[in-house]
Amino acid sequence: MLEILGIIAFARLLSRTAVEKGRSKGWAALGVLFWIGGEMMGFIVGGALGLETFALYGLALLMAGAGVLVAYLVVKALPPQSAGTLGPAS
């Protein structure tokens, strides 16, 4: 349950950051996908390495944290975009 609340709070943070830069709130999905995808990759890698329960879950949380960090850095690095532009002017 706490993880779900964490994902929701993180998605709101990414959404707010993207909107401040003139971007869509859809960037929040990147954070959710990277969090869950990182956790799943942690379980897959840990299972392949033959880790036991607590080590397996620890690796999954570590990989989820890495996914969160990458998603945050990507959204934070987005250049500001004005409301009326779709791309570079020709």
C-alpha atoms as a PDB file:
ATOM      1  CA  MET A   1       0.000   0.000   0.000  1.00  0.00           C
ATOM      2  CA  LEU A   2       2.826   2.400   0.813  1.00  0.00           C
ATOM      3  CA  GLU A   3       4.406   1.724  -2.547  1.00  0.00           C
ATOM      4  CA  ILE A   4       1.187   2.668  -4.337  1.00  0.00           C
ATOM      5  CA  LEU A   5       1.054   5.924  -2.386  1.00  0.00           C
ATOM      6  CA  GLY A   6       4.698   6.549  -3.296  1.00  0.00           C
ATOM      7  CA  ILE A   7       4.010   5.968  -6.987  1.00  0.00           C
ATOM      8  CA  ILE A   8       1.057   8.368  -6.886  1.00  0.00           C
ATOM      9  CA  ALA A   9       3.086  11.049  -5.103  1.00  0.00           C
ATOM     10  CA  PHE A  10       5.984  10.627  -7.541  1.00  0.00           C
ATOM     11  CA  ALA A  11       3.661  10.814 -10.557  1.00  0.00           C
ATOM     12  CA  ARG A  12       2.198  14.054  -9.197  1.00  0.00           C
ATOM     13  CA  LEU A  13       5.702  15.470  -8.736  1.00  0.00           C
ATOM     14  CA  LEU A  14       6.674  14.618 -12.315  1.00  0.00           C
ATOM     15  CA  SER A  15       3.386  15.984 -13.616  1.00  0.00           C
ATOM     16  CA  ARG A  16       3.850  19.268 -11.771  1.00  0.00           C
ATOM     17  CA  THR A  17       7.458  19.558 -12.988  1.00  0.00           C
ATOM     18  CA  ALA A  18       6.437  18.895 -16.607  1.00  0.00           C
ATOM     19  CA  VAL A  19       3.596  21.430 -16.487  1.00  0.00           C
ATOM     20  CA  GLU A  20       5.983  24.070 -15.093  1.00  0.00           C
ATOM     21  CA  LYS A  21       8.086  23.523 -18.220  1.00  0.00           C
ATOM     22  CA  GLY A  22       5.051  23.854 -20.506  1.00  0.00           C
ATOM     23  CA  ARG A  23       4.829  20.115 -21.157  1.00  0.00           C
ATOM     24  CA  SER A  24       2.020  17.591 -20.885  1.00  0.00           C
ATOM     25  CA  LYS A  25       1.071  15.915 -17.609  1.00  0.00           C
ATOM     26  CA  GLY A  26       1.614  12.651 -19.491  1.00  0.00           C
ATOM     27  CA  TRP A  27       5.283  12.742 -18.497  1.00  0.00           C
ATOM     28  CA  ALA A  28       4.118  11.332 -15.158  1.00  0.00           C
ATOM     29  CA  ALA A  29       3.586   8.005 -16.930  1.00  0.00           C
ATOM     30  CA  LEU A  30       7.341   7.820 -17.526  1.00  0.00           C
ATOM     31  CA  GLY A  31       7.924   7.764 -13.782  1.00  0.00           C
ATOM     32  CA  VAL A  32       5.327   5.074 -13.172  1.00  0.00           C
ATOM     33  CA  LEU A  33       6.684   2.901 -15.982  1.00  0.00           C
ATOM     34  CA  PHE A  34      10.292   3.319 -14.855  1.00  0.00           C
ATOM     35  CA  TRP A  35       9.391   2.556 -11.223  1.00  0.00           C
ATOM     36  CA  ILE A  36       7.430  -0.607 -12.013  1.00  0.00           C
ATOM     37  CA  GLY A  37       9.747  -1.629 -14.863  1.00  0.00           C
ATOM     38  CA  GLY A  38      12.809  -1.207 -12.662  1.00  0.00           C
ATOM     39  CA  GLU A  39      11.235  -3.284  -9.938  1.00  0.00           C
ATOM     40  CA  MET A  40      10.309  -6.042 -12.380  1.00  0.00           C
ATOM     41  CA  MET A  41      13.830  -6.024 -13.824  1.00  0.00           C
ATOM     42  CA  GLY A  42      15.198  -6.337 -10.293  1.00  0.00           C
ATOM     43  CA  PHE A  43      13.070  -9.417  -9.691  1.00  0.00           C
ATOM     44  CA  ILE A  44      14.102 -10.937 -13.013  1.00  0.00           C
ATOM     45  CA  VAL A  45      17.819 -10.299 -12.493  1.00  0.00           C
ATOM     46  CA  GLY A  46      17.654 -11.406  -8.854  1.00  0.00           C
ATOM     47  CA  GLY A  47      15.824 -14.580  -9.818  1.00  0.00           C
ATOM     48  CA  ALA A  48      18.381 -15.323 -12.517  1.00  0.00           C
ATOM     49  CA  LEU A  49      21.159 -14.851  -9.952  1.00  0.00           C
ATOM     50  CA  GLY A  50      19.397 -17.230  -7.563  1.00  0.00           C
ATOM     51  CA  LEU A  51      18.899 -14.685  -4.782  1.00  0.00           C
ATOM     52  CA  GLU A  52      16.716 -15.541  -1.811  1.00  0.00           C
ATOM     53  CA  THR A  53      13.574 -13.676  -0.740  1.00  0.00           C
ATOM     54  CA  PHE A  54      14.971 -10.636   1.086  1.00  0.00           C
ATOM     55  CA  ALA A  55      17.914 -10.140  -1.256  1.00  0.00           C
ATOM     56  CA  LEU A  56      15.596 -10.498  -4.238  1.00  0.00           C
ATOM     57  CA  TYR A  57      13.202  -7.867  -2.891  1.00  0.00           C
ATOM     58  CA  GLY A  58      16.102  -5.601  -1.952  1.00  0.00           C
ATOM     59  CA  LEU A  59      17.482  -5.742  -5.492  1.00  0.00           C
ATOM     60  CA  ALA A  60      14.004  -5.045  -6.870  1.00  0.00           C
ATOM     61  CA  LEU A  61      13.696  -1.954  -4.664  1.00  0.00           C
ATOM     62  CA  LEU A  62      17.175  -0.804  -5.656  1.00  0.00           C
ATOM     63  CA  MET A  63      16.310  -1.119  -9.351  1.00  0.00           C
ATOM     64  CA  ALA A  64      12.990   0.681  -8.786  1.00  0.00           C
ATOM     65  CA  GLY A  65      14.919   3.504  -7.123  1.00  0.00           C
ATOM     66  CA  ALA A  66      17.233   3.679 -10.123  1.00  0.00           C
ATOM     67  CA  GLY A  67      14.207   3.905 -12.411  1.00  0.00           C
ATOM     68  CA  VAL A  68      12.760   6.713 -10.295  1.00  0.00           C
ATOM     69  CA  LEU A  69      16.027   8.622 -10.438  1.00  0.00           C
ATOM     70  CA  VAL A  70      16.316   8.279 -14.217  1.00  0.00           C
ATOM     71  CA  ALA A  71      12.692   9.347 -14.783  1.00  0.00           C
ATOM     72  CA  TYR A  72      13.114  12.369 -12.501  1.00  0.00           C
ATOM     73  CA  LEU A  73      16.324  13.441 -14.216  1.00  0.00           C
ATOM     74  CA  VAL A  74      14.750  13.105 -17.678  1.00  0.00           C
ATOM     75  CA  VAL A  75      11.725  15.242 -16.762  1.00  0.00           C
ATOM     76  CA  LYS A  76      13.876  17.763 -14.895  1.00  0.00           C
ATOM     77  CA  ALA A  77      16.161  18.104 -17.940  1.00  0.00           C
ATOM     78  CA  LEU A  78      13.316  18.880 -20.361  1.00  0.00           C
ATOM     79  CA  PRO A  79      13.804  22.309 -21.907  1.00  0.00           C
ATOM     80  CA  PRO A  80      11.021  24.819 -21.214  1.00  0.00           C
ATOM     81  CA  GLN A  81       8.484  25.033 -24.016  1.00  0.00           C
ATOM     82  CA  SER A  82       6.140  27.938 -24.617  1.00  0.00           C
ATOM     83  CA  ALA A  83       2.431  27.126 -24.800  1.00  0.00           C
ATOM     84  CA  GLY A  84       1.939  27.905 -28.490  1.00  0.00           C
ATOM     85  CA  THR A  85       4.884  26.091 -30.085  1.00  0.00           C
ATOM     86  CA  LEU A  86       4.985  22.545 -31.348  1.00  0.00           C
ATOM     87  CA  GLY A  87       8.593  22.443 -32.430  1.00  0.00           C
ATOM     88  CA  PRO A  88      11.436  24.495 -33.890  1.00  0.00           C
ATOM     89  CA  ALA A  89      10.369  27.255 -36.250  1.00  0.00           C
ATOM     90  CA  SER A  90      11.475  26.993 -39.860  1.00  0.00           C
END
